[in-house]
């Protein structure tokens, strides 16, 4: 998910998307621990998406 897409979301949507993304990251990590993923780069992209969402939420809370 790109930063431009994230800034267009409302705060409630951000929180919902963050929880969904964290859940999918946890599932990917578990699947990768059991047997290697076909595309391990997915872990990096999902982790970075979580960070982008969390950063945007923090930025909005501080304003």
PDB file of N, CA and C in Angstrom:
ATOM      1  N   UNK A   1       0.847  -1.172   0.000  1.00  0.00           N
ATOM      2  CA  UNK A   1       0.000   0.000   0.000  1.00  0.00           C
ATOM      3  C   UNK A   1       0.894   1.238   0.000  1.00  0.00           C
ATOM      4  N   UNK A   2       0.622   2.143  -0.904  1.00  0.00           N
ATOM      5  CA  UNK A   2       1.437   3.346  -1.055  1.00  0.00           C
ATOM      6  C   UNK A   2       1.041   4.401  -0.029  1.00  0.00           C
ATOM      7  N   UNK A   3       1.959   5.321   0.233  1.00  0.00           N
ATOM      8  CA  UNK A   3       1.717   6.384   1.208  1.00  0.00           C
ATOM      9  C   UNK A   3       0.552   7.270   0.770  1.00  0.00           C
ATOM     10  N   UNK A   4       0.425   7.534  -0.518  1.00  0.00           N
ATOM     11  CA  UNK A   4      -0.674   8.365  -1.014  1.00  0.00           C
ATOM     12  C   UNK A   4      -2.028   7.719  -0.723  1.00  0.00           C
ATOM     13  N   UNK A   5      -2.108   6.409  -0.822  1.00  0.00           N
ATOM     14  CA  UNK A   5      -3.351   5.701  -0.509  1.00  0.00           C
ATOM     15  C   UNK A   5      -3.650   5.769   0.984  1.00  0.00           C
ATOM     16  N   UNK A   6      -2.612   5.698   1.784  1.00  0.00           N
ATOM     17  CA  UNK A   6      -2.785   5.699   3.240  1.00  0.00           C
ATOM     18  C   UNK A   6      -3.297   7.053   3.727  1.00  0.00           C
ATOM     19  N   UNK A   7      -2.786   8.141   3.174  1.00  0.00           N
ATOM     20  CA  UNK A   7      -3.204   9.466   3.637  1.00  0.00           C
ATOM     21  C   UNK A   7      -4.652   9.754   3.289  1.00  0.00           C
ATOM     22  N   UNK A   8      -5.219   9.085   2.280  1.00  0.00           N
ATOM     23  CA  UNK A   8      -6.611   9.307   1.892  1.00  0.00           C
ATOM     24  C   UNK A   8      -7.598   8.601   2.813  1.00  0.00           C
ATOM     25  N   UNK A   9      -7.130   7.624   3.598  1.00  0.00           N
ATOM     26  CA  UNK A   9      -8.014   6.857   4.473  1.00  0.00           C
ATOM     27  C   UNK A   9      -8.400   7.660   5.711  1.00  0.00           C
ATOM     28  N   UNK A  10      -9.585   7.378   6.241  1.00  0.00           N
ATOM     29  CA  UNK A  10      -9.990   8.008   7.496  1.00  0.00           C
ATOM     30  C   UNK A  10      -9.279   7.310   8.650  1.00  0.00           C
ATOM     31  N   UNK A  11      -9.351   7.896   9.828  1.00  0.00           N
ATOM     32  CA  UNK A  11      -8.668   7.339  10.994  1.00  0.00           C
ATOM     33  C   UNK A  11      -9.227   5.965  11.357  1.00  0.00           C
ATOM     34  N   UNK A  12     -10.545   5.816  11.276  1.00  0.00           N
ATOM     35  CA  UNK A  12     -11.155   4.520  11.582  1.00  0.00           C
ATOM     36  C   UNK A  12     -10.714   3.458  10.576  1.00  0.00           C
ATOM     37  N   UNK A  13     -10.663   3.848   9.306  1.00  0.00           N
ATOM     38  CA  UNK A  13     -10.192   2.914   8.279  1.00  0.00           C
ATOM     39  C   UNK A  13      -8.731   2.546   8.503  1.00  0.00           C
ATOM     40  N   UNK A  14      -7.928   3.511   8.938  1.00  0.00           N
ATOM     41  CA  UNK A  14      -6.516   3.244   9.219  1.00  0.00           C
ATOM     42  C   UNK A  14      -6.367   2.206  10.321  1.00  0.00           C
ATOM     43  N   UNK A  15      -7.128   2.364  11.385  1.00  0.00           N
ATOM     44  CA  UNK A  15      -7.036   1.426  12.500  1.00  0.00           C
ATOM     45  C   UNK A  15      -7.472   0.033  12.071  1.00  0.00           C
ATOM     46  N   UNK A  16      -8.528  -0.033  11.269  1.00  0.00           N
ATOM     47  CA  UNK A  16      -9.020  -1.321  10.791  1.00  0.00           C
ATOM     48  C   UNK A  16      -7.993  -1.981   9.864  1.00  0.00           C
ATOM     49  N   UNK A  17      -7.446  -1.194   8.950  1.00  0.00           N
ATOM     50  CA  UNK A  17      -6.455  -1.708   8.006  1.00  0.00           C
ATOM     51  C   UNK A  17      -5.188  -2.150   8.736  1.00  0.00           C
ATOM     52  N   UNK A  18      -4.803  -1.411   9.782  1.00  0.00           N
ATOM     53  CA  UNK A  18      -3.620  -1.764  10.562  1.00  0.00           C
ATOM     54  C   UNK A  18      -3.805  -3.115  11.244  1.00  0.00           C
ATOM     55  N   UNK A  19      -4.967  -3.337  11.844  1.00  0.00           N
ATOM     56  CA  UNK A  19      -5.187  -4.622  12.518  1.00  0.00           C
ATOM     57  C   UNK A  19      -5.220  -5.762  11.509  1.00  0.00           C
ATOM     58  N   UNK A  20      -5.829  -5.551  10.343  1.00  0.00           N
ATOM     59  CA  UNK A  20      -5.851  -6.587   9.310  1.00  0.00           C
ATOM     60  C   UNK A  20      -4.435  -6.905   8.832  1.00  0.00           C
ATOM     61  N   UNK A  21      -3.644  -5.864   8.616  1.00  0.00           N
ATOM     62  CA  UNK A  21      -2.298  -6.049   8.100  1.00  0.00           C
ATOM     63  C   UNK A  21      -1.404  -6.730   9.122  1.00  0.00           C
ATOM     64  N   UNK A  22      -1.557  -6.375  10.395  1.00  0.00           N
ATOM     65  CA  UNK A  22      -0.777  -7.034  11.444  1.00  0.00           C
ATOM     66  C   UNK A  22      -1.125  -8.520  11.514  1.00  0.00           C
ATOM     67  N   UNK A  23      -2.408  -8.831  11.371  1.00  0.00           N
ATOM     68  CA  UNK A  23      -2.842 -10.218  11.403  1.00  0.00           C
ATOM     69  C   UNK A  23      -2.259 -10.991  10.217  1.00  0.00           C
ATOM     70  N   UNK A  24      -2.279 -10.386   9.045  1.00  0.00           N
ATOM     71  CA  UNK A  24      -1.733 -11.078   7.875  1.00  0.00           C
ATOM     72  C   UNK A  24      -0.220 -11.245   7.993  1.00  0.00           C
ATOM     73  N   UNK A  25       0.466 -10.277   8.622  1.00  0.00           N
ATOM     74  CA  UNK A  25       1.907 -10.401   8.836  1.00  0.00           C
ATOM     75  C   UNK A  25       2.215 -11.558   9.786  1.00  0.00           C
ATOM     76  N   UNK A  26       1.419 -11.671  10.836  1.00  0.00           N
ATOM     77  CA  UNK A  26       1.622 -12.765  11.784  1.00  0.00           C
ATOM     78  C   UNK A  26       1.391 -14.118  11.102  1.00  0.00           C
ATOM     79  N   UNK A  27       0.360 -14.186  10.259  1.00  0.00           N
ATOM     80  CA  UNK A  27       0.092 -15.427   9.531  1.00  0.00           C
ATOM     81  C   UNK A  27       1.233 -15.768   8.576  1.00  0.00           C
ATOM     82  N   UNK A  28       1.754 -14.749   7.885  1.00  0.00           N
ATOM     83  CA  UNK A  28       2.867 -14.984   6.969  1.00  0.00           C
ATOM     84  C   UNK A  28       4.107 -15.466   7.712  1.00  0.00           C
ATOM     85  N   UNK A  29       4.397 -14.858   8.870  1.00  0.00           N
ATOM     86  CA  UNK A  29       5.562 -15.268   9.654  1.00  0.00           C
ATOM     87  C   UNK A  29       5.425 -16.712  10.115  1.00  0.00           C
ATOM     88  N   UNK A  30       4.229 -17.081  10.541  1.00  0.00           N
ATOM     89  CA  UNK A  30       3.997 -18.441  11.001  1.00  0.00           C
ATOM     90  C   UNK A  30       4.158 -19.424   9.843  1.00  0.00           C
ATOM     91  N   UNK A  31       3.600 -19.078   8.696  1.00  0.00           N
ATOM     92  CA  UNK A  31       3.716 -19.946   7.520  1.00  0.00           C
ATOM     93  C   UNK A  31       5.172 -20.072   7.087  1.00  0.00           C
ATOM     94  N   UNK A  32       5.926 -18.998   7.190  1.00  0.00           N
ATOM     95  CA  UNK A  32       7.328 -19.017   6.799  1.00  0.00           C
ATOM     96  C   UNK A  32       8.163 -19.836   7.784  1.00  0.00           C
ATOM     97  N   UNK A  33       7.775 -19.846   9.037  1.00  0.00           N
ATOM     98  CA  UNK A  33       8.506 -20.632  10.033  1.00  0.00           C
ATOM     99  C   UNK A  33       8.284 -22.129   9.811  1.00  0.00           C
ATOM    100  N   UNK A  34       7.091 -22.483   9.371  1.00  0.00           N
ATOM    101  CA  UNK A  34       6.769 -23.896   9.149  1.00  0.00           C
ATOM    102  C   UNK A  34       7.444 -24.402   7.877  1.00  0.00           C
ATOM    103  N   UNK A  35       7.232 -23.693   6.797  1.00  0.00           N
ATOM    104  CA  UNK A  35       7.895 -24.047   5.532  1.00  0.00           C
ATOM    105  C   UNK A  35       8.173 -22.749   4.784  1.00  0.00           C
ATOM    106  N   UNK A  36       9.286 -22.642   4.111  1.00  0.00           N
ATOM    107  CA  UNK A  36       9.654 -21.383   3.456  1.00  0.00           C
ATOM    108  C   UNK A  36       8.592 -20.898   2.463  1.00  0.00           C
ATOM    109  N   UNK A  37       8.356 -19.602   2.481  1.00  0.00           N
ATOM    110  CA  UNK A  37       7.400 -19.018   1.549  1.00  0.00           C
ATOM    111  C   UNK A  37       7.969 -19.030   0.139  1.00  0.00           C
ATOM    112  N   UNK A  38       7.080 -19.076  -0.826  1.00  0.00           N
ATOM    113  CA  UNK A  38       7.518 -19.020  -2.213  1.00  0.00           C
ATOM    114  C   UNK A  38       8.121 -17.656  -2.514  1.00  0.00           C
ATOM    115  N   UNK A  39       7.544 -16.600  -1.902  1.00  0.00           N
ATOM    116  CA  UNK A  39       8.041 -15.245  -2.101  1.00  0.00           C
ATOM    117  C   UNK A  39       8.298 -14.604  -0.735  1.00  0.00           C
ATOM    118  N   UNK A  40       9.484 -14.767  -0.167  1.00  0.00           N
ATOM    119  CA  UNK A  40       9.749 -14.226   1.171  1.00  0.00           C
ATOM    120  C   UNK A  40       9.798 -12.695   1.221  1.00  0.00           C
ATOM    121  N   UNK A  41       9.838 -12.045   0.070  1.00  0.00           N
ATOM    122  CA  UNK A  41       9.829 -10.586   0.041  1.00  0.00           C
ATOM    123  C   UNK A  41       8.487 -10.046   0.555  1.00  0.00           C
ATOM    124  N   UNK A  42       7.449 -10.897   0.527  1.00  0.00           N
ATOM    125  CA  UNK A  42       6.147 -10.503   1.070  1.00  0.00           C
ATOM    126  C   UNK A  42       6.265 -10.065   2.516  1.00  0.00           C
ATOM    127  N   UNK A  43       7.111 -10.733   3.276  1.00  0.00           N
ATOM    128  CA  UNK A  43       7.285 -10.378   4.684  1.00  0.00           C
ATOM    129  C   UNK A  43       7.731  -8.924   4.811  1.00  0.00           C
ATOM    130  N   UNK A  44       8.697  -8.534   3.997  1.00  0.00           N
ATOM    131  CA  UNK A  44       9.234  -7.175   4.062  1.00  0.00           C
ATOM    132  C   UNK A  44       8.166  -6.148   3.675  1.00  0.00           C
ATOM    133  N   UNK A  45       7.438  -6.416   2.596  1.00  0.00           N
ATOM    134  CA  UNK A  45       6.447  -5.439   2.144  1.00  0.00           C
ATOM    135  C   UNK A  45       5.308  -5.287   3.141  1.00  0.00           C
ATOM    136  N   UNK A  46       4.864  -6.391   3.730  1.00  0.00           N
ATOM    137  CA  UNK A  46       3.778  -6.305   4.716  1.00  0.00           C
ATOM    138  C   UNK A  46       4.262  -5.604   5.978  1.00  0.00           C
ATOM    139  N   UNK A  47       5.498  -5.901   6.402  1.00  0.00           N
ATOM    140  CA  UNK A  47       6.050  -5.238   7.588  1.00  0.00           C
ATOM    141  C   UNK A  47       6.151  -3.735   7.366  1.00  0.00           C
ATOM    142  N   UNK A  48       6.574  -3.330   6.196  1.00  0.00           N
ATOM    143  CA  UNK A  48       6.700  -1.903   5.896  1.00  0.00           C
ATOM    144  C   UNK A  48       5.339  -1.231   5.792  1.00  0.00           C
ATOM    145  N   UNK A  49       4.337  -1.946   5.306  1.00  0.00           N
ATOM    146  CA  UNK A  49       2.988  -1.408   5.259  1.00  0.00           C
ATOM    147  C   UNK A  49       2.462  -1.176   6.673  1.00  0.00           C
ATOM    148  N   UNK A  50       2.738  -2.111   7.574  1.00  0.00           N
ATOM    149  CA  UNK A  50       2.340  -1.941   8.979  1.00  0.00           C
ATOM    150  C   UNK A  50       2.986  -0.678   9.540  1.00  0.00           C
ATOM    151  N   UNK A  51       4.252  -0.481   9.249  1.00  0.00           N
ATOM    152  CA  UNK A  51       4.960   0.700   9.751  1.00  0.00           C
ATOM    153  C   UNK A  51       4.370   1.982   9.177  1.00  0.00           C
ATOM    154  N   UNK A  52       4.031   1.977   7.894  1.00  0.00           N
ATOM    155  CA  UNK A  52       3.440   3.170   7.276  1.00  0.00           C
ATOM    156  C   UNK A  52       2.101   3.509   7.911  1.00  0.00           C
ATOM    157  N   UNK A  53       1.272   2.491   8.130  1.00  0.00           N
ATOM    158  CA  UNK A  53      -0.039   2.714   8.744  1.00  0.00           C
ATOM    159  C   UNK A  53       0.107   3.235  10.168  1.00  0.00           C
ATOM    160  N   UNK A  54       1.001   2.642  10.931  1.00  0.00           N
ATOM    161  CA  UNK A  54       1.204   3.072  12.319  1.00  0.00           C
ATOM    162  C   UNK A  54       1.751   4.491  12.376  1.00  0.00           C
ATOM    163  N   UNK A  55       2.639   4.833  11.463  1.00  0.00           N
ATOM    164  CA  UNK A  55       3.205   6.177  11.433  1.00  0.00           C
ATOM    165  C   UNK A  55       2.136   7.204  11.123  1.00  0.00           C
ATOM    166  N   UNK A  56       1.272   6.904  10.168  1.00  0.00           N
ATOM    167  CA  UNK A  56       0.197   7.838   9.813  1.00  0.00           C
ATOM    168  C   UNK A  56      -0.768   8.020  10.983  1.00  0.00           C
ATOM    169  N   UNK A  57      -1.082   6.932  11.692  1.00  0.00           N
ATOM    170  CA  UNK A  57      -1.961   7.042  12.866  1.00  0.00           C
ATOM    171  C   UNK A  57      -1.327   7.919  13.942  1.00  0.00           C
ATOM    172  N   UNK A  58      -0.050   7.718  14.212  1.00  0.00           N
ATOM    173  CA  UNK A  58       0.651   8.510  15.220  1.00  0.00           C
ATOM    174  C   UNK A  58       0.689   9.969  14.806  1.00  0.00           C
ATOM    175  N   UNK A  59       0.929  10.225  13.548  1.00  0.00           N
ATOM    176  CA  UNK A  59       0.984  11.605  13.046  1.00  0.00           C
ATOM    177  C   UNK A  59      -0.349  12.302  13.248  1.00  0.00           C
ATOM    178  N   UNK A  60      -1.443  11.585  13.005  1.00  0.00           N
ATOM    179  CA  UNK A  60      -2.771  12.178  13.177  1.00  0.00           C
ATOM    180  C   UNK A  60      -3.095  12.400  14.652  1.00  0.00           C
ATOM    181  N   UNK A  61      -2.631  11.512  15.517  1.00  0.00           N
ATOM    182  CA  UNK A  61      -2.895  11.692  16.949  1.00  0.00           C
ATOM    183  C   UNK A  61      -2.150  12.899  17.505  1.00  0.00           C
ATOM    184  N   UNK A  62      -0.984  13.189  16.982  1.00  0.00           N
ATOM    185  CA  UNK A  62      -0.186  14.304  17.490  1.00  0.00           C
ATOM    186  C   UNK A  62      -0.676  15.654  16.998  1.00  0.00           C
ATOM    187  N   UNK A  63      -1.498  15.665  15.960  1.00  0.00           N
ATOM    188  CA  UNK A  63      -2.008  16.950  15.447  1.00  0.00           C
ATOM    189  C   UNK A  63      -3.224  17.410  16.187  1.00  0.00           C
TER     190      UNK A  63
END
